[in-house]
C-alpha cells in the first residue's frame, strides 16, 4: 500500500516509544493461517491506498487545527479494474454512515472503490470519488460510491473539513497491492479503540485445501469499544491495564465542553481507571474481501460474521457506535457485464462455514493489529491518547499462559 503523509508533525511519544510488532510478531496466539502479507491485499486484485494528514499542535482553532485525520481507499479489483463485484453489507449498530449501501442491497453489486474517512468528510470524499471515476473509468455514466466513516473529533479538528478532493485523489491514485500500513494512517489517523489509540488494521486467512483454499482478507478502521471489556486471545487485557487513560497534556483543560472531564496527563499517565466518558463511544468500519465464489446473499452473511470478531475483543455494538461492515467477492468476473446471460459459480451454503470462521479470525486480528501499530498521539486541545504498550501486553498474556502458545 502506498501511503501519503502530509503536514508531518513529530508527536511526543516518549512514554511509549515502540517500534514494529503485529499480533503474531509479539507472540499473541491468533487462530488460523494468514496469507503472505496477513492483509486484505492477500486477496488477489485488492489494492489499498491512504493519505494521512497530521498538522499543528496545542489548542483547537476550528478550521485551522490541529489536524489528525485522513482517508483510506480499497479497490476490489485494483485501480485499473472497472469490473463490478458481488457484495453484501450489515450494520451491527447504525450510529454511523456508509453511503451506497441501498444500491448494494438492491443490486448485490459493488461498482467501485470503498473509501473510509472521518465523519464530517463523507460528503467531500464521496463527491471526489465520483470525480475520480469520471476521469479513470471508460464509459462512466453514474456512481453511488461507498464511503464510510468513524469520528475522530477527540484528536482532530473535525469541524475544520481538512480532507479535500486532492487528498482523495491521492489515496485513490496511490492504491497498491502488498503490505498495508497500519495504525495512525489514512482514515484511522485520529481514531481510538477500547480506550487506547486505534486506527487502521488488517489481517487475512487462507483456508485449507479441502475447504477450497480460498483467501479471506479484512481491513478495519477501529474507533470503538470500552477499555474494561478489551479481551485479546481470551485474556482480559482491559482489566489488567487500567491506566494510560486519555488525558490532556496542555496547561489548560480542553476548550470543548464535552471533553472537560478529562484528567491532566500529569495525574493520569500512571494512575486511575478509564472513566465512563470513554465507554461505548466511537465506531468501527470493517471491509471483508474474499476470492471465494459467493453470491450477494452469502456475502451479507459473511459481513454479519464480522460482528463475532468484534465481540471477541469485547465490542457490544453500543448505542453510540457506528458498526458497519461490507463484504465482497472477487470471483465471478464480468458477471455484471451487459453482454447477455451470465454464468456464475457459487460455493454451496453447506461449505461456507470455513469462510465464516476465517472472517471472525481475521477481523479479530485486524483490530488487534490496528492497536498494536498505533502510536501514542497528542492532538487537538493537547488531548493525548496512549498506545497499547507492547511490553505490558506481553506480560499480561504471559500471566495468563497465552504468550507464544505458553
Protein backbone atom coordinates (compact mmCIF):
# COMPACT_ATOMS: atom_id res chain seq x y z
CA UNK A 1 0.00 0.00 0.00
CA UNK A 2 1.29 3.45 -0.88
CA UNK A 3 0.64 5.92 1.92
CA UNK A 4 0.96 9.68 1.52
CA UNK A 5 1.79 11.64 4.66
CA UNK A 6 1.12 15.36 4.54
CA UNK A 7 1.94 18.12 7.06
CA UNK A 8 4.21 15.87 9.12
CA UNK A 9 4.48 16.65 12.83
CA UNK A 10 6.78 14.90 15.29
CA UNK A 11 4.32 13.93 18.02
CA UNK A 12 5.67 13.26 21.52
CA UNK A 13 5.70 9.51 22.17
CA UNK A 14 8.49 9.28 24.69
CA UNK A 15 6.39 7.50 27.30
CA UNK A 16 5.62 4.67 24.95
CA UNK A 17 8.12 4.61 22.14
CA UNK A 18 7.58 1.23 20.48
CA UNK A 19 8.51 0.03 17.04
CA UNK A 20 7.20 -2.78 14.88
CA UNK A 21 5.25 -5.74 16.16
CA UNK A 22 1.95 -7.07 14.93
CA UNK A 23 -0.02 -9.60 16.94
CA UNK A 24 1.89 -12.61 15.67
CA UNK A 25 5.26 -10.84 15.95
CA UNK A 26 4.61 -10.33 19.66
CA UNK A 27 3.59 -13.94 20.27
CA UNK A 28 -0.13 -13.22 20.65
CA UNK A 29 -1.85 -16.51 19.76
CA UNK A 30 -4.11 -15.95 16.76
CA UNK A 31 -6.10 -18.78 15.22
CA UNK A 32 -5.89 -19.70 11.56
CA UNK A 33 -3.34 -19.47 8.76
CA UNK A 34 -2.57 -15.98 7.41
CA UNK A 35 -1.69 -15.13 3.83
CA UNK A 36 1.65 -13.79 2.65
CA UNK A 37 1.10 -10.27 4.00
CA UNK A 38 -1.53 -11.11 6.62
CA UNK A 39 -3.53 -8.33 4.98
CA UNK A 40 -6.61 -7.71 2.88
CA UNK A 41 -4.30 -7.45 -0.14
CA UNK A 42 -3.67 -11.20 0.10
CA UNK A 43 -6.92 -11.45 -1.85
CA UNK A 44 -5.65 -11.19 -5.39
CA UNK A 45 -6.50 -7.91 -7.09
CA UNK A 46 -7.26 -5.94 -3.94
CA UNK A 47 -5.32 -2.68 -3.62
CA UNK A 48 -5.20 -0.20 -0.73
CA UNK A 49 -4.11 3.43 -0.62
CA UNK A 50 -4.18 6.11 2.06
CA UNK A 51 -3.46 9.75 2.73
CA UNK A 52 -2.54 10.77 6.28
CA UNK A 53 -2.97 14.36 7.47
CA UNK A 54 -1.06 15.47 10.58
CA UNK A 55 -0.53 19.16 11.26
CA UNK A 56 -0.33 21.53 14.21
CA UNK A 57 -0.44 21.20 17.99
CA UNK A 58 -1.95 22.83 21.04
CA UNK A 59 -5.34 24.49 21.47
CA UNK A 60 -8.07 23.77 18.99
CA UNK A 61 -8.79 26.53 16.47
CA UNK A 62 -11.72 25.41 14.36
CA UNK A 63 -10.78 25.49 10.70
CA UNK A 64 -7.05 25.61 11.45
CA UNK A 65 -6.26 22.55 13.53
CA UNK A 66 -4.60 20.64 14.99
CA UNK A 67 -5.27 18.14 12.22
CA UNK A 68 -5.21 14.37 12.80
CA UNK A 69 -7.20 12.73 10.03
CA UNK A 70 -7.05 11.19 6.55
CA UNK A 71 -8.69 8.89 4.03
CA UNK A 72 -8.26 5.22 3.06
CA UNK A 73 -9.21 3.64 -0.26
CA UNK A 74 -9.83 -0.05 -1.01
CA UNK A 75 -10.16 -1.28 -4.60
CA UNK A 76 -11.68 -4.76 -5.04
CA UNK A 77 -10.08 -5.22 -8.48
CA UNK A 78 -7.34 -2.62 -8.36
CA UNK A 79 -7.21 0.94 -9.67
CA UNK A 80 -7.42 -0.14 -13.30
CA UNK A 81 -10.21 -2.66 -12.83
CA UNK A 82 -13.70 -1.35 -13.55
CA UNK A 83 -15.47 -4.71 -13.26
CA UNK A 84 -18.10 -4.88 -10.52
CA UNK A 85 -18.00 -7.42 -7.71
CA UNK A 86 -20.77 -9.14 -5.81
CA UNK A 87 -21.19 -7.60 -2.34
CA UNK A 88 -23.30 -7.54 0.80
CA UNK A 89 -23.37 -5.36 3.91
CA UNK A 90 -24.55 -5.38 7.51
CA UNK A 91 -24.86 -2.94 10.38
CA UNK A 92 -24.41 -4.14 13.95
CA UNK A 93 -25.31 -0.68 15.26
CA UNK A 94 -26.26 2.16 12.99
CA UNK A 95 -24.90 5.31 14.65
CA UNK A 96 -22.72 5.93 11.60
CA UNK A 97 -22.68 6.14 7.83
CA UNK A 98 -21.77 4.04 4.83
CA UNK A 99 -23.06 5.56 1.60
CA UNK A 100 -24.07 3.48 -1.41
CA UNK A 101 -25.45 0.58 0.60
CA UNK A 102 -29.02 0.95 -0.65
CA UNK A 103 -27.86 0.09 -4.18
CA UNK A 104 -25.71 -2.76 -2.90
CA UNK A 105 -28.72 -4.24 -1.13
CA UNK A 106 -30.87 -3.78 -4.24
CA UNK A 107 -28.40 -4.97 -6.88
CA UNK A 108 -25.96 -7.14 -4.96
CA UNK A 109 -23.11 -5.28 -6.66
CA UNK A 110 -20.24 -3.04 -5.64
CA UNK A 111 -19.29 -0.89 -8.62
CA UNK A 112 -16.18 0.94 -7.44
CA UNK A 113 -13.75 1.50 -4.57
CA UNK A 114 -14.57 1.70 -0.88
CA UNK A 115 -13.41 4.85 0.93
CA UNK A 116 -13.10 5.34 4.70
CA UNK A 117 -12.59 8.70 6.39
CA UNK A 118 -13.83 10.81 9.31
CA UNK A 119 -17.49 11.54 9.98
CA UNK A 120 -17.61 15.10 8.65
CA UNK A 121 -15.67 14.33 5.45
CA UNK A 122 -18.04 11.75 3.99
CA UNK A 123 -19.56 14.27 1.56
CA UNK A 124 -16.34 15.59 0.04
CA UNK A 125 -14.89 12.07 -0.19
CA UNK A 126 -18.00 10.79 -1.96
CA UNK A 127 -18.01 13.67 -4.45
CA UNK A 128 -14.28 13.40 -5.09
CA UNK A 129 -14.60 9.66 -5.72
CA UNK A 130 -17.20 10.32 -8.40
CA UNK A 131 -14.89 12.92 -9.95
CA UNK A 132 -12.02 10.41 -9.93
CA UNK A 133 -14.20 7.75 -11.56
CA UNK A 134 -15.24 10.13 -14.34
CA UNK A 135 -11.56 10.57 -15.20
CA UNK A 136 -10.50 6.96 -14.98
CA UNK A 137 -13.43 4.75 -15.95
CA UNK A 138 -14.27 4.44 -19.66
CA UNK A 139 -17.98 4.58 -20.35
CA UNK A 140 -18.67 6.08 -16.92
CA UNK A 141 -22.28 7.27 -16.54
CA UNK A 142 -23.08 7.45 -12.83
CA UNK A 143 -21.97 6.15 -9.45
CA UNK A 144 -23.15 5.67 -5.89
CA UNK A 145 -19.78 5.34 -4.15
CA UNK A 146 -19.33 3.51 -0.87
CA UNK A 147 -17.87 5.92 1.69
CA UNK A 148 -17.80 5.03 5.39
CA UNK A 149 -16.72 6.94 8.48
CA UNK A 150 -15.74 6.92 12.11
CA UNK A 151 -15.48 10.01 14.32
CA UNK A 152 -12.02 11.45 15.07
CA UNK A 153 -13.16 14.64 16.83
CA UNK A 154 -11.34 13.82 20.07
CA UNK A 155 -7.91 14.30 18.48
CA UNK A 156 -8.80 16.12 15.26
CA UNK A 157 -10.32 19.46 14.29
CA UNK A 158 -13.32 17.60 12.91
CA UNK A 159 -15.24 20.78 12.09
CA UNK A 160 -12.31 22.07 10.04
CA UNK A 161 -13.08 19.88 6.99
CA UNK A 162 -9.40 19.29 6.28
CA UNK A 163 -9.83 16.34 3.91
CA UNK A 164 -10.04 17.72 0.36
CA UNK A 165 -10.72 16.20 -3.05
CA UNK A 166 -6.98 16.32 -3.77
CA UNK A 167 -6.37 14.09 -0.77
CA UNK A 168 -9.00 11.65 -2.02
CA UNK A 169 -7.40 11.61 -5.48
CA UNK A 170 -4.01 10.91 -3.89
CA UNK A 171 -5.38 7.98 -1.87
CA UNK A 172 -7.06 6.50 -4.94
CA UNK A 173 -4.09 7.06 -7.24
CA UNK A 174 -1.68 5.64 -4.66
CA UNK A 175 -3.50 2.36 -4.08
CA UNK A 176 -1.31 -0.72 -4.45
CA UNK A 177 -1.09 -4.37 -3.52
CA UNK A 178 1.36 -5.79 -0.99
CA UNK A 179 1.85 -4.86 2.68
CA UNK A 180 -0.65 -2.42 4.18
CA UNK A 181 0.45 0.24 6.67
CA UNK A 182 -1.47 0.15 9.93
CA UNK A 183 -2.15 2.29 12.97
CA UNK A 184 -2.14 6.09 12.67
CA UNK A 185 -2.61 6.15 8.92
CA UNK A 186 -5.32 7.14 6.44
CA UNK A 187 -8.83 7.42 7.78
CA UNK A 188 -7.64 5.78 11.00
CA UNK A 189 -5.17 8.55 11.87
CA UNK A 190 -7.15 10.19 14.68
CA UNK A 191 -9.07 7.18 15.94
CA UNK A 192 -9.19 5.43 19.34
CA UNK A 193 -10.04 1.81 20.16
CA UNK A 194 -11.01 0.26 23.50
CA UNK A 195 -9.59 3.24 25.35
CA UNK A 196 -6.21 3.06 23.59
CA UNK A 197 -5.01 4.68 20.37
CA UNK A 198 -6.67 2.92 17.46
CA UNK A 199 -6.65 3.30 13.70
CA UNK A 200 -6.27 1.12 10.63
CA UNK A 201 -5.60 -2.61 10.86
CA UNK A 202 -5.67 -5.62 8.59
CA UNK A 203 -5.28 -9.41 8.55
CA UNK A 204 -6.05 -12.40 6.32
CA UNK A 205 -6.73 -16.12 6.40
CA UNK A 206 -6.09 -18.87 3.86
CA UNK A 207 -8.48 -21.80 4.04
CA UNK A 208 -7.31 -25.40 3.99
CA UNK A 209 -7.25 -27.02 0.54
CA UNK A 210 -10.17 -29.30 1.43
CA UNK A 211 -12.19 -26.15 2.23
CA UNK A 212 -11.33 -24.70 -1.19
CA UNK A 213 -8.04 -22.94 -0.39
CA UNK A 214 -9.78 -19.57 -0.61
CA UNK A 215 -8.43 -16.36 0.95
CA UNK A 216 -10.34 -14.03 3.23
CA UNK A 217 -8.90 -10.58 3.99
CA UNK A 218 -10.14 -7.94 6.41
CA UNK A 219 -9.39 -4.24 6.85
CA UNK A 220 -10.76 -2.28 9.81
CA UNK A 221 -10.96 1.34 10.88
CA UNK A 222 -11.08 0.83 14.62
CA UNK A 223 -12.61 3.58 16.80
CA UNK A 224 -14.94 1.76 19.18
CA UNK A 225 -15.15 -0.10 22.47
CA UNK A 226 -14.78 0.06 26.22
CA UNK A 227 -11.42 -0.37 27.94
CA UNK A 228 -12.78 -2.63 30.67
CA UNK A 229 -14.13 -5.09 28.10
CA UNK A 230 -10.99 -5.35 25.94
CA UNK A 231 -10.18 -9.04 25.57
CA UNK A 232 -7.31 -10.32 23.43
CA UNK A 233 -6.99 -14.04 22.70
CA UNK A 234 -9.25 -14.69 25.66
CA UNK A 235 -7.23 -12.55 28.10
CA UNK A 236 -8.96 -9.64 29.93
CA UNK A 237 -6.34 -7.07 28.91
CA UNK A 238 -8.57 -4.08 29.67
CA UNK A 239 -8.99 -5.17 33.28
CA UNK A 240 -5.24 -5.67 33.65
CA UNK A 241 -4.08 -2.39 32.07
CA UNK A 242 -6.33 0.22 33.63
CA UNK A 243 -4.03 3.24 33.49
CA UNK A 244 -2.80 5.15 30.42
CA UNK A 245 -6.18 6.81 30.19
CA UNK A 246 -6.93 9.58 27.74
CA UNK A 247 -5.87 12.94 29.19
CA UNK A 248 -4.86 16.47 28.27
CA UNK A 249 -1.19 17.43 28.10
CA UNK A 250 -1.63 21.21 27.94
CA UNK A 251 -1.67 23.80 30.68
CA UNK A 252 -5.46 24.19 30.39
CA UNK A 253 -8.33 21.70 30.10
CA UNK A 254 -9.75 21.17 26.61
CA UNK A 255 -11.72 24.05 25.12
CA UNK A 256 -14.56 21.70 24.15
CA UNK A 257 -17.10 21.32 26.95
CA UNK A 258 -17.71 17.62 26.34
CA UNK A 259 -14.01 16.88 26.97
CA UNK A 260 -13.51 18.99 30.07
CA UNK A 261 -13.88 15.96 32.31
CA UNK A 262 -10.59 14.54 31.04
CA UNK A 263 -7.81 14.39 33.64
CA UNK A 264 -4.47 16.12 33.29
CA UNK A 265 -1.82 13.82 31.85
CA UNK A 266 0.42 14.75 34.77
CA UNK A 267 -2.01 12.94 37.04
CA UNK A 268 -3.36 10.27 34.69
CA UNK A 269 -0.43 8.56 32.97
CA UNK A 270 0.32 6.17 35.79
CA UNK A 271 -2.84 6.06 37.90
CA UNK A 272 -6.56 5.70 37.70
CA UNK A 273 -9.03 3.59 35.71
CA UNK A 274 -10.65 4.67 32.48
CA UNK A 275 -13.73 6.72 33.19
CA UNK A 276 -17.31 6.43 31.88
CA UNK A 277 -16.65 9.19 29.33
CA UNK A 278 -14.68 6.62 27.32
CA UNK A 279 -17.36 3.96 27.50
CA UNK A 280 -19.02 2.82 24.31
CA UNK A 281 -18.28 5.83 22.14
CA UNK A 282 -16.95 5.62 18.58
CA UNK A 283 -17.41 3.24 15.69
CA UNK A 284 -15.79 0.55 13.58
CA UNK A 285 -15.86 0.03 9.83
CA UNK A 286 -14.93 -3.42 8.54
CA UNK A 287 -14.21 -4.40 4.93
CA UNK A 288 -14.11 -8.13 4.17
CA UNK A 289 -12.68 -9.36 0.87
CA UNK A 290 -12.58 -12.91 -0.44
CA UNK A 291 -11.92 -14.83 -3.63
CA UNK A 292 -14.44 -17.49 -2.62
CA UNK A 293 -17.29 -17.61 -5.17
CA UNK A 294 -20.08 -16.17 -3.07
CA UNK A 295 -23.31 -14.53 -4.15
CA UNK A 296 -24.66 -11.32 -2.59
CA UNK A 297 -26.91 -13.01 -0.04
CA UNK A 298 -23.96 -15.12 1.10
CA UNK A 299 -21.72 -12.06 1.34
CA UNK A 300 -24.29 -10.41 3.60
CA UNK A 301 -23.98 -13.48 5.82
CA UNK A 302 -20.20 -13.09 5.79
CA UNK A 303 -20.47 -9.39 6.73
CA UNK A 304 -22.63 -10.36 9.71
CA UNK A 305 -19.89 -12.69 10.97
CA UNK A 306 -17.51 -9.76 11.34
CA UNK A 307 -19.64 -8.90 14.37
CA UNK A 308 -18.34 -12.02 16.10
CA UNK A 309 -14.77 -10.83 15.64
CA UNK A 310 -15.72 -7.52 17.25
CA UNK A 311 -17.43 -9.44 20.05
CA UNK A 312 -14.31 -11.50 20.74
CA UNK A 313 -12.47 -8.26 21.55
CA UNK A 314 -15.27 -7.04 23.79
CA UNK A 315 -17.37 -4.91 21.45
CA UNK A 316 -21.09 -4.82 22.16
CA UNK A 317 -22.43 -2.71 19.31
CA UNK A 318 -23.12 0.04 21.83
CA UNK A 319 -25.79 2.67 21.23
CA UNK A 320 -23.24 5.37 20.44
CA UNK A 321 -21.27 3.25 17.98
CA UNK A 322 -21.49 3.02 14.20
CA UNK A 323 -20.53 -0.59 13.44
CA UNK A 324 -21.00 -1.08 9.71
CA UNK A 325 -19.49 -3.91 7.68
CA UNK A 326 -19.21 -4.71 3.97
CA UNK A 327 -18.05 -7.91 2.25
CA UNK A 328 -17.24 -8.53 -1.42
CA UNK A 329 -16.04 -11.39 -3.60
CA UNK A 330 -13.55 -11.06 -6.45
CA UNK A 331 -14.79 -14.30 -8.01
CA UNK A 332 -17.20 -14.37 -10.96
CA UNK A 333 -15.55 -11.71 -13.14
CA UNK A 334 -17.77 -9.99 -15.70
CA UNK A 335 -20.91 -11.34 -14.02
CA UNK A 336 -22.39 -7.83 -14.09
CA UNK A 337 -21.42 -7.07 -17.68
CA UNK A 338 -24.29 -6.24 -20.02
CA UNK A 339 -23.44 -8.95 -22.52
CA UNK A 340 -26.42 -11.25 -22.20
CA UNK A 341 -26.81 -14.17 -19.83
CA UNK A 342 -24.07 -14.59 -17.24
CA UNK A 343 -22.96 -17.88 -15.77
CA UNK A 344 -21.75 -17.67 -12.18
CA UNK A 345 -20.32 -20.12 -9.67
CA UNK A 346 -21.40 -20.34 -6.04
CA UNK A 347 -19.92 -22.02 -3.01
CA UNK A 348 -22.70 -24.20 -1.58
CA UNK A 349 -24.07 -22.97 1.72
CA UNK A 350 -23.11 -26.26 3.32
CA UNK A 351 -19.45 -25.40 2.61
CA UNK A 352 -19.46 -21.79 3.77
CA UNK A 353 -18.59 -22.32 7.44
CA UNK A 354 -14.79 -22.14 6.87
CA UNK A 355 -15.31 -18.71 5.27
CA UNK A 356 -17.31 -17.62 8.31
CA UNK A 357 -14.57 -18.84 10.64
CA UNK A 358 -11.85 -17.10 8.61
CA UNK A 359 -13.83 -13.85 8.72
CA UNK A 360 -14.15 -13.96 12.50
CA UNK A 361 -10.46 -14.77 12.96
CA UNK A 362 -9.19 -12.13 10.53
CA UNK A 363 -11.47 -9.47 11.99
CA UNK A 364 -10.21 -10.15 15.49
CA UNK A 365 -6.58 -10.00 14.41
CA UNK A 366 -7.07 -6.88 12.26
CA UNK A 367 -8.43 -4.99 15.28
CA UNK A 368 -5.52 -6.12 17.45
CA UNK A 369 -3.06 -5.15 14.70
CA UNK A 370 -4.63 -1.69 14.49
CA UNK A 371 -4.00 -1.10 18.19
CA UNK A 372 -0.50 -2.57 18.17
CA UNK A 373 0.56 -0.49 15.16
CA UNK A 374 -0.86 2.72 16.59
CA UNK A 375 1.41 5.14 18.38
CA UNK A 376 0.62 7.49 21.24
CA UNK A 377 -0.84 10.65 19.73
CA UNK A 378 -1.41 14.15 21.10
CA UNK A 379 -3.95 16.12 19.10
CA UNK A 380 -6.44 18.96 19.33
CA UNK A 381 -6.52 20.73 22.71
CA UNK A 382 -3.41 18.70 23.58
CA UNK A 383 -5.61 15.66 24.21
CA UNK A 384 -3.42 12.58 24.37
CA UNK A 385 -4.41 9.01 23.50
CA UNK A 386 -1.98 6.32 24.59
CA UNK A 387 -0.91 3.36 22.51
CA UNK A 388 -1.38 -0.14 23.87
CA UNK A 389 2.14 -0.86 25.22
CA UNK A 390 3.63 -3.98 23.68
CA UNK A 391 5.75 -4.98 26.64
CA UNK A 392 2.90 -4.72 29.13
CA UNK A 393 0.56 -6.59 26.81
CA UNK A 394 3.09 -9.40 26.57
CA UNK A 395 3.40 -9.52 30.36
CA UNK A 396 -0.36 -9.79 30.71
CA UNK A 397 -0.54 -12.53 28.09
CA UNK A 398 2.27 -14.41 29.83
CA UNK A 399 0.46 -14.10 33.18
CA UNK A 400 -2.48 -15.97 31.67
CA UNK A 401 -0.30 -18.53 29.87
CA UNK A 402 -1.23 -17.16 26.45
CA UNK A 403 2.02 -15.76 25.09
CA UNK A 404 3.64 -17.66 22.24
CA UNK A 405 1.46 -20.66 22.90
CA UNK A 406 2.67 -20.94 26.51
